[in-house]
Amino acid sequence: MRSEIEARIVLANCAPATAAAMMEAPARAKMEEAFGRRPLSTSLFSANFGLSAKPATVGLTSFLTIDLPSTMGRFDQYGDGATAMADMPKGELPLHAVSNFTAVDSGLWDEPPILLSVLGLDRFDNWKGLTKEEAISRREAWLDAIQARLEQDHPGISGLVTSRMLLNAFSMSSYLNTPEGAVYGFAPLPPEEPIFMGFPRTPATPIGGLFLASAFGGEHGFNGAMLSGAEAARLAAHRLETAPTA
């Protein structure tokens, strides 16, 4: 059963393609023309470990640690690891970050299980076409490899692990409904205007009253999504103040 609600303003907390899929053909065409050629951002994997004690008990005290493979010697190799999870682990882990949230006194992780996350680049294609059993097997193999690297760098940490879960690009696509698992909205391409002109993207769309309150409407990442939402609210308030009600 389909229901309709009329509104003067819509704040879309999603990708433009997701919003466009719910529109009639003329509006979809406008959205496609405005956004269809913009490349998507990368996706990520997030290996999350629940620990019985804070990582500091085994010497991990930094909030963020970046681990580079020994073969990485140039900045343009940064993205090489994005395809690593297309197969079982082999050799060194790709570039990844270890996030120890207890390094700051946030009060969020004072009691077990305590979260430790390992994050890196991933692609939706790495997981496409796998059976459920194949996907589970590969996830577990990568969790084993990541945990082994943590143990190598911080002996004793494996003894603290009480639970673990790997989220990947397919997870991002499934849970967040973001195309290809893109976690940063559109690709962060260099601006074509001087930086003092402001960020080139806007939450505004070619559909009157529709604004993108997501990373797709502004800068990439968490801050971009938050700022996009704030700017979308500002534009919506201005439209409500100035647009006719009829």
C-alpha atoms as a PDB file:
ATOM      1  CA  MET A   1       0.000   0.000   0.000  1.00  0.00           C
ATOM      2  CA  ARG A   2       1.323   3.401  -0.972  1.00  0.00           C
ATOM      3  CA  SER A   3       0.700   6.541   1.049  1.00  0.00           C
ATOM      4  CA  GLU A   4       1.542  10.152   0.229  1.00  0.00           C
ATOM      5  CA  ILE A   5       2.261  13.118   2.491  1.00  0.00           C
ATOM      6  CA  GLU A   6       2.508  16.632   1.094  1.00  0.00           C
ATOM      7  CA  ALA A   7       5.275  18.908   2.355  1.00  0.00           C
ATOM      8  CA  ARG A   8       6.848  22.186   1.287  1.00  0.00           C
ATOM      9  CA  ILE A   9      10.324  21.055   2.340  1.00  0.00           C
ATOM     10  CA  VAL A  10      12.093  17.675   2.279  1.00  0.00           C
ATOM     11  CA  LEU A  11      15.500  17.069   3.857  1.00  0.00           C
ATOM     12  CA  ALA A  12      16.926  13.919   2.266  1.00  0.00           C
ATOM     13  CA  ASN A  13      19.437  12.142   4.491  1.00  0.00           C
ATOM     14  CA  CYS A  14      20.618   9.934   1.631  1.00  0.00           C
ATOM     15  CA  ALA A  15      22.338   9.858  -1.734  1.00  0.00           C
ATOM     16  CA  PRO A  16      20.748  11.813  -4.610  1.00  0.00           C
ATOM     17  CA  ALA A  17      20.234   8.555  -6.536  1.00  0.00           C
ATOM     18  CA  THR A  18      18.270   7.101  -3.614  1.00  0.00           C
ATOM     19  CA  ALA A  19      16.026  10.148  -3.445  1.00  0.00           C
ATOM     20  CA  ALA A  20      15.610  10.223  -7.229  1.00  0.00           C
ATOM     21  CA  ALA A  21      14.440   6.599  -7.289  1.00  0.00           C
ATOM     22  CA  MET A  22      11.324   7.692  -5.388  1.00  0.00           C
ATOM     23  CA  MET A  23      10.442  10.444  -7.885  1.00  0.00           C
ATOM     24  CA  GLU A  24       8.445  10.593 -11.080  1.00  0.00           C
ATOM     25  CA  ALA A  25      10.380  10.453 -14.372  1.00  0.00           C
ATOM     26  CA  PRO A  26      10.768  14.234 -15.028  1.00  0.00           C
ATOM     27  CA  ALA A  27      12.188  14.872 -11.543  1.00  0.00           C
ATOM     28  CA  ARG A  28      14.430  11.796 -11.780  1.00  0.00           C
ATOM     29  CA  ALA A  29      15.859  13.142 -15.026  1.00  0.00           C
ATOM     30  CA  LYS A  30      16.703  16.465 -13.375  1.00  0.00           C
ATOM     31  CA  MET A  31      18.464  14.711 -10.510  1.00  0.00           C
ATOM     32  CA  GLU A  32      20.387  12.477 -12.898  1.00  0.00           C
ATOM     33  CA  GLU A  33      21.534  15.487 -14.908  1.00  0.00           C
ATOM     34  CA  ALA A  34      22.695  17.291 -11.767  1.00  0.00           C
ATOM     35  CA  PHE A  35      24.374  14.410  -9.938  1.00  0.00           C
ATOM     36  CA  GLY A  36      24.678  11.372 -12.212  1.00  0.00           C
ATOM     37  CA  ARG A  37      28.183  12.055 -13.521  1.00  0.00           C
ATOM     38  CA  ARG A  38      29.807  12.740 -10.165  1.00  0.00           C
ATOM     39  CA  PRO A  39      32.154   9.945  -9.064  1.00  0.00           C
ATOM     40  CA  LEU A  40      31.466   8.284  -5.729  1.00  0.00           C
ATOM     41  CA  SER A  41      33.864   8.214  -2.801  1.00  0.00           C
ATOM     42  CA  THR A  42      35.662   5.120  -1.637  1.00  0.00           C
ATOM     43  CA  SER A  43      34.268   2.730   0.941  1.00  0.00           C
ATOM     44  CA  LEU A  44      35.840   1.279   4.081  1.00  0.00           C
ATOM     45  CA  PHE A  45      36.173  -1.858   6.131  1.00  0.00           C
ATOM     46  CA  SER A  46      35.922  -1.653   9.907  1.00  0.00           C
ATOM     47  CA  ALA A  47      37.185  -4.550  12.016  1.00  0.00           C
ATOM     48  CA  ASN A  48      35.707  -4.026  15.479  1.00  0.00           C
ATOM     49  CA  PHE A  49      37.074  -5.846  18.522  1.00  0.00           C
ATOM     50  CA  GLY A  50      35.384  -5.970  21.929  1.00  0.00           C
ATOM     51  CA  LEU A  51      38.037  -6.108  24.655  1.00  0.00           C
ATOM     52  CA  SER A  52      37.830  -7.131  28.294  1.00  0.00           C
ATOM     53  CA  ALA A  53      40.213  -4.319  29.331  1.00  0.00           C
ATOM     54  CA  LYS A  54      41.506  -1.062  27.915  1.00  0.00           C
ATOM     55  CA  PRO A  55      44.185  -1.361  25.198  1.00  0.00           C
ATOM     56  CA  ALA A  56      46.578   0.592  27.433  1.00  0.00           C
ATOM     57  CA  THR A  57      46.998  -2.569  29.527  1.00  0.00           C
ATOM     58  CA  VAL A  58      49.065  -4.029  26.662  1.00  0.00           C
ATOM     59  CA  GLY A  59      50.803  -0.778  25.738  1.00  0.00           C
ATOM     60  CA  LEU A  60      48.418   0.644  23.123  1.00  0.00           C
ATOM     61  CA  THR A  61      47.955   4.217  24.327  1.00  0.00           C
ATOM     62  CA  SER A  62      47.664   6.286  21.121  1.00  0.00           C
ATOM     63  CA  PHE A  63      44.235   7.385  19.925  1.00  0.00           C
ATOM     64  CA  LEU A  64      45.107   6.677  16.276  1.00  0.00           C
ATOM     65  CA  THR A  65      47.863   4.590  14.759  1.00  0.00           C
ATOM     66  CA  ILE A  66      48.466   4.414  10.991  1.00  0.00           C
ATOM     67  CA  ASP A  67      50.191   1.228   9.809  1.00  0.00           C
ATOM     68  CA  LEU A  68      51.768   1.276   6.349  1.00  0.00           C
ATOM     69  CA  PRO A  69      52.892  -1.818   4.416  1.00  0.00           C
ATOM     70  CA  SER A  70      56.643  -1.974   3.796  1.00  0.00           C
ATOM     71  CA  THR A  71      56.018  -1.760   0.024  1.00  0.00           C
ATOM     72  CA  MET A  72      54.390   1.663   0.300  1.00  0.00           C
ATOM     73  CA  GLY A  73      56.874   4.381  -0.563  1.00  0.00           C
ATOM     74  CA  ARG A  74      54.812   6.950  -2.461  1.00  0.00           C
ATOM     75  CA  PHE A  75      51.621   8.838  -1.682  1.00  0.00           C
ATOM     76  CA  ASP A  76      49.995   7.651  -4.914  1.00  0.00           C
ATOM     77  CA  GLN A  77      50.156   4.084  -3.548  1.00  0.00           C
ATOM     78  CA  TYR A  78      47.675   5.002  -0.818  1.00  0.00           C
ATOM     79  CA  GLY A  79      44.724   3.464  -2.668  1.00  0.00           C
ATOM     80  CA  ASP A  80      46.460   0.243  -3.682  1.00  0.00           C
ATOM     81  CA  GLY A  81      45.057  -1.651  -0.718  1.00  0.00           C
ATOM     82  CA  ALA A  82      41.432  -0.970  -1.650  1.00  0.00           C
ATOM     83  CA  THR A  83      41.254  -4.255  -3.586  1.00  0.00           C
ATOM     84  CA  ALA A  84      42.965  -6.403  -0.931  1.00  0.00           C
ATOM     85  CA  MET A  85      39.742  -7.871   0.424  1.00  0.00           C
ATOM     86  CA  ALA A  86      38.799  -9.216  -2.979  1.00  0.00           C
ATOM     87  CA  ASP A  87      40.718 -12.304  -1.851  1.00  0.00           C
ATOM     88  CA  MET A  88      41.848 -14.040   1.300  1.00  0.00           C
ATOM     89  CA  PRO A  89      44.655 -12.313   3.255  1.00  0.00           C
ATOM     90  CA  LYS A  90      48.076 -12.650   1.656  1.00  0.00           C
ATOM     91  CA  GLY A  91      51.301 -11.277   3.083  1.00  0.00           C
ATOM     92  CA  GLU A  92      51.231  -7.870   4.712  1.00  0.00           C
ATOM     93  CA  LEU A  93      48.017  -6.097   5.584  1.00  0.00           C
ATOM     94  CA  PRO A  94      47.087  -3.112   3.430  1.00  0.00           C
ATOM     95  CA  LEU A  95      47.349   0.376   4.874  1.00  0.00           C
ATOM     96  CA  HIS A  96      45.065   0.628   7.900  1.00  0.00           C
ATOM     97  CA  ALA A  97      44.346   2.704  10.973  1.00  0.00           C
ATOM     98  CA  VAL A  98      43.930   1.463  14.548  1.00  0.00           C
ATOM     99  CA  SER A  99      41.464   3.561  16.562  1.00  0.00           C
ATOM    100  CA  ASN A 100      41.747   3.342  20.342  1.00  0.00           C
ATOM    101  CA  PHE A 101      38.801   5.353  21.616  1.00  0.00           C
ATOM    102  CA  THR A 102      39.812   5.020  25.271  1.00  0.00           C
ATOM    103  CA  ALA A 103      42.862   7.216  24.660  1.00  0.00           C
ATOM    104  CA  VAL A 104      40.561  10.205  25.286  1.00  0.00           C
ATOM    105  CA  ASP A 105      38.507  10.595  28.449  1.00  0.00           C
ATOM    106  CA  SER A 106      35.080  10.448  26.810  1.00  0.00           C
ATOM    107  CA  GLY A 107      33.427   8.247  29.409  1.00  0.00           C
ATOM    108  CA  LEU A 108      32.075   6.006  26.646  1.00  0.00           C
ATOM    109  CA  TRP A 109      34.271   2.950  27.132  1.00  0.00           C
ATOM    110  CA  ASP A 110      34.913   2.702  30.851  1.00  0.00           C
ATOM    111  CA  GLU A 111      33.355  -0.752  31.133  1.00  0.00           C
ATOM    112  CA  PRO A 112      33.873  -3.860  28.959  1.00  0.00           C
ATOM    113  CA  PRO A 113      33.382  -4.680  26.200  1.00  0.00           C
ATOM    114  CA  ILE A 114      35.741  -1.898  25.131  1.00  0.00           C
ATOM    115  CA  LEU A 115      35.804  -1.045  21.442  1.00  0.00           C
ATOM    116  CA  LEU A 116      38.996  -1.141  19.377  1.00  0.00           C
ATOM    117  CA  SER A 117      38.574  -0.558  15.639  1.00  0.00           C
ATOM    118  CA  VAL A 118      40.851  -1.210  12.678  1.00  0.00           C
ATOM    119  CA  LEU A 119      39.836   0.609   9.503  1.00  0.00           C
ATOM    120  CA  GLY A 120      41.004   0.690   5.899  1.00  0.00           C
ATOM    121  CA  LEU A 121      39.910   1.092   2.302  1.00  0.00           C
ATOM    122  CA  ASP A 122      37.492  -1.346   0.710  1.00  0.00           C
ATOM    123  CA  ARG A 123      35.366  -1.662  -2.424  1.00  0.00           C
ATOM    124  CA  PHE A 124      31.885  -3.011  -2.999  1.00  0.00           C
ATOM    125  CA  ASP A 125      33.166  -5.144  -5.881  1.00  0.00           C
ATOM    126  CA  ASN A 126      35.437  -7.024  -3.464  1.00  0.00           C
ATOM    127  CA  TRP A 127      32.373  -8.727  -1.962  1.00  0.00           C
ATOM    128  CA  LYS A 128      29.929  -8.835  -4.852  1.00  0.00           C
ATOM    129  CA  GLY A 129      28.712 -12.248  -5.990  1.00  0.00           C
ATOM    130  CA  LEU A 130      29.868 -14.204  -2.928  1.00  0.00           C
ATOM    131  CA  THR A 131      27.627 -16.745  -1.267  1.00  0.00           C
ATOM    132  CA  LYS A 132      26.830 -16.162   2.400  1.00  0.00           C
ATOM    133  CA  GLU A 133      29.212 -18.949   3.389  1.00  0.00           C
ATOM    134  CA  GLU A 134      32.041 -17.541   1.235  1.00  0.00           C
ATOM    135  CA  ALA A 135      31.552 -14.060   2.651  1.00  0.00           C
ATOM    136  CA  ILE A 136      31.620 -15.344   6.246  1.00  0.00           C
ATOM    137  CA  SER A 137      34.753 -17.384   5.574  1.00  0.00           C
ATOM    138  CA  ARG A 138      36.568 -14.394   4.071  1.00  0.00           C
ATOM    139  CA  ARG A 139      35.474 -12.084   6.881  1.00  0.00           C
ATOM    140  CA  GLU A 140      36.798 -14.511   9.488  1.00  0.00           C
ATOM    141  CA  ALA A 141      40.086 -14.911   7.629  1.00  0.00           C
ATOM    142  CA  TRP A 142      40.576 -11.147   7.574  1.00  0.00           C
ATOM    143  CA  LEU A 143      39.649 -10.843  11.234  1.00  0.00           C
ATOM    144  CA  ASP A 144      42.276 -13.498  11.995  1.00  0.00           C
ATOM    145  CA  ALA A 145      44.903 -11.623   9.971  1.00  0.00           C
ATOM    146  CA  ILE A 146      44.086  -8.262  11.545  1.00  0.00           C
ATOM    147  CA  GLN A 147      44.061  -9.711  15.056  1.00  0.00           C
ATOM    148  CA  ALA A 148      47.406 -11.402  14.375  1.00  0.00           C
ATOM    149  CA  ARG A 149      48.885  -8.032  13.361  1.00  0.00           C
ATOM    150  CA  LEU A 150      47.510  -6.413  16.526  1.00  0.00           C
ATOM    151  CA  GLU A 151      49.040  -9.217  18.575  1.00  0.00           C
ATOM    152  CA  GLN A 152      52.379  -8.764  16.800  1.00  0.00           C
ATOM    153  CA  ASP A 153      52.439  -5.054  17.576  1.00  0.00           C
ATOM    154  CA  HIS A 154      50.881  -5.300  21.055  1.00  0.00           C
ATOM    155  CA  PRO A 155      51.585  -8.727  22.587  1.00  0.00           C
ATOM    156  CA  GLY A 156      48.762  -9.926  24.821  1.00  0.00           C
ATOM    157  CA  ILE A 157      45.956  -8.068  23.083  1.00  0.00           C
ATOM    158  CA  SER A 158      44.450 -11.280  21.685  1.00  0.00           C
ATOM    159  CA  GLY A 159      43.843 -12.406  25.254  1.00  0.00           C
ATOM    160  CA  LEU A 160      41.608  -9.365  25.739  1.00  0.00           C
ATOM    161  CA  VAL A 161      39.380 -10.054  22.714  1.00  0.00           C
ATOM    162  CA  THR A 162      35.893 -11.211  23.715  1.00  0.00           C
ATOM    163  CA  SER A 163      34.036 -10.412  20.480  1.00  0.00           C
ATOM    164  CA  ARG A 164      34.807  -9.233  16.978  1.00  0.00           C
ATOM    165  CA  MET A 165      33.005  -8.177  13.818  1.00  0.00           C
ATOM    166  CA  LEU A 166      34.089  -7.097  10.356  1.00  0.00           C
ATOM    167  CA  LEU A 167      31.984  -4.542   8.490  1.00  0.00           C
ATOM    168  CA  ASN A 168      32.901  -4.028   4.856  1.00  0.00           C
ATOM    169  CA  ALA A 169      31.799  -2.083   1.776  1.00  0.00           C
ATOM    170  CA  PHE A 170      28.885  -4.468   1.302  1.00  0.00           C
ATOM    171  CA  SER A 171      27.835  -3.767   4.902  1.00  0.00           C
ATOM    172  CA  MET A 172      27.969  -0.010   4.266  1.00  0.00           C
ATOM    173  CA  SER A 173      25.776  -0.428   1.210  1.00  0.00           C
ATOM    174  CA  SER A 174      23.294  -2.677   3.026  1.00  0.00           C
ATOM    175  CA  TYR A 175      23.014  -0.769   6.306  1.00  0.00           C
ATOM    176  CA  LEU A 176      23.432   2.804   5.083  1.00  0.00           C
ATOM    177  CA  ASN A 177      21.821   2.343   1.641  1.00  0.00           C
ATOM    178  CA  THR A 178      24.672   4.316   0.121  1.00  0.00           C
ATOM    179  CA  PRO A 179      25.594   3.495  -3.514  1.00  0.00           C
ATOM    180  CA  GLU A 180      28.557   1.118  -3.836  1.00  0.00           C
ATOM    181  CA  GLY A 181      29.110   1.510  -0.095  1.00  0.00           C
ATOM    182  CA  ALA A 182      30.422   5.078  -0.564  1.00  0.00           C
ATOM    183  CA  VAL A 183      30.904   6.386   2.978  1.00  0.00           C
ATOM    184  CA  TYR A 184      32.101   9.896   2.080  1.00  0.00           C
ATOM    185  CA  GLY A 185      29.411  10.834  -0.424  1.00  0.00           C
ATOM    186  CA  PHE A 186      30.944  11.955  -3.687  1.00  0.00           C
ATOM    187  CA  ALA A 187      34.669  11.636  -4.331  1.00  0.00           C
ATOM    188  CA  PRO A 188      36.618  14.524  -2.753  1.00  0.00           C
ATOM    189  CA  LEU A 189      37.910  16.041  -5.978  1.00  0.00           C
ATOM    190  CA  PRO A 190      40.069  19.197  -5.848  1.00  0.00           C
ATOM    191  CA  PRO A 191      38.026  22.436  -6.072  1.00  0.00           C
ATOM    192  CA  GLU A 192      38.179  24.365  -9.328  1.00  0.00           C
ATOM    193  CA  GLU A 193      37.860  27.746  -7.594  1.00  0.00           C
ATOM    194  CA  PRO A 194      40.082  29.363  -4.910  1.00  0.00           C
ATOM    195  CA  ILE A 195      39.433  28.043  -1.412  1.00  0.00           C
ATOM    196  CA  PHE A 196      38.088  31.398  -0.212  1.00  0.00           C
ATOM    197  CA  MET A 197      35.157  30.910  -2.621  1.00  0.00           C
ATOM    198  CA  GLY A 198      33.887  28.155  -0.332  1.00  0.00           C
ATOM    199  CA  PHE A 199      33.257  24.458  -0.896  1.00  0.00           C
ATOM    200  CA  PRO A 200      31.779  23.864  -4.368  1.00  0.00           C
ATOM    201  CA  ARG A 201      28.981  21.535  -3.292  1.00  0.00           C
ATOM    202  CA  THR A 202      25.651  22.538  -1.857  1.00  0.00           C
ATOM    203  CA  PRO A 203      22.675  20.703  -0.320  1.00  0.00           C
ATOM    204  CA  ALA A 204      20.434  22.396  -2.902  1.00  0.00           C
ATOM    205  CA  THR A 205      19.011  20.224  -5.702  1.00  0.00           C
ATOM    206  CA  PRO A 206      17.210  21.015  -8.973  1.00  0.00           C
ATOM    207  CA  ILE A 207      13.964  20.012  -7.226  1.00  0.00           C
ATOM    208  CA  GLY A 208      12.448  22.978  -5.415  1.00  0.00           C
ATOM    209  CA  GLY A 209      12.216  22.351  -1.679  1.00  0.00           C
ATOM    210  CA  LEU A 210      14.445  19.247  -1.713  1.00  0.00           C
ATOM    211  CA  PHE A 211      17.779  19.520   0.099  1.00  0.00           C
ATOM    212  CA  LEU A 212      20.480  16.889   0.699  1.00  0.00           C
ATOM    213  CA  ALA A 213      21.142  16.598   4.432  1.00  0.00           C
ATOM    214  CA  SER A 214      23.971  14.088   3.960  1.00  0.00           C
ATOM    215  CA  ALA A 215      27.639  13.881   2.954  1.00  0.00           C
ATOM    216  CA  PHE A 216      26.460  14.046  -0.662  1.00  0.00           C
ATOM    217  CA  GLY A 217      25.434  17.666  -0.120  1.00  0.00           C
ATOM    218  CA  GLY A 218      28.756  18.986   1.148  1.00  0.00           C
ATOM    219  CA  GLU A 219      32.264  18.024   2.097  1.00  0.00           C
ATOM    220  CA  HIS A 220      33.146  14.381   2.594  1.00  0.00           C
ATOM    221  CA  GLY A 221      33.242  12.513   5.871  1.00  0.00           C
ATOM    222  CA  PHE A 222      31.509  12.944   9.214  1.00  0.00           C
ATOM    223  CA  ASN A 223      32.128  16.700   9.431  1.00  0.00           C
ATOM    224  CA  GLY A 224      30.898  17.120   5.873  1.00  0.00           C
ATOM    225  CA  ALA A 225      27.668  15.281   6.630  1.00  0.00           C
ATOM    226  CA  MET A 226      27.050  17.354   9.768  1.00  0.00           C
ATOM    227  CA  LEU A 227      27.791  20.647   8.018  1.00  0.00           C
ATOM    228  CA  SER A 228      25.650  19.623   5.047  1.00  0.00           C
ATOM    229  CA  GLY A 229      22.728  18.953   7.388  1.00  0.00           C
ATOM    230  CA  ALA A 230      23.163  22.339   9.050  1.00  0.00           C
ATOM    231  CA  GLU A 231      23.364  24.108   5.689  1.00  0.00           C
ATOM    232  CA  ALA A 232      20.317  22.190   4.410  1.00  0.00           C
ATOM    233  CA  ALA A 233      18.373  23.359   7.477  1.00  0.00           C
ATOM    234  CA  ARG A 234      19.466  26.940   6.851  1.00  0.00           C
ATOM    235  CA  LEU A 235      18.394  26.804   3.199  1.00  0.00           C
ATOM    236  CA  ALA A 236      15.101  25.166   4.166  1.00  0.00           C
ATOM    237  CA  ALA A 237      14.367  27.862   6.763  1.00  0.00           C
ATOM    238  CA  HIS A 238      15.116  30.576   4.209  1.00  0.00           C
ATOM    239  CA  ARG A 239      12.792  28.956   1.662  1.00  0.00           C
ATOM    240  CA  LEU A 240       9.993  28.675   4.205  1.00  0.00           C
ATOM    241  CA  GLU A 241      10.404  32.374   5.023  1.00  0.00           C
ATOM    242  CA  THR A 242      10.446  33.579   1.419  1.00  0.00           C
ATOM    243  CA  ALA A 243       8.559  31.076  -0.754  1.00  0.00           C
ATOM    244  CA  PRO A 244       4.806  31.541  -1.241  1.00  0.00           C
ATOM    245  CA  THR A 245       2.612  29.091   0.660  1.00  0.00           C
ATOM    246  CA  ALA A 246       0.176  28.503  -2.153  1.00  0.00           C
END
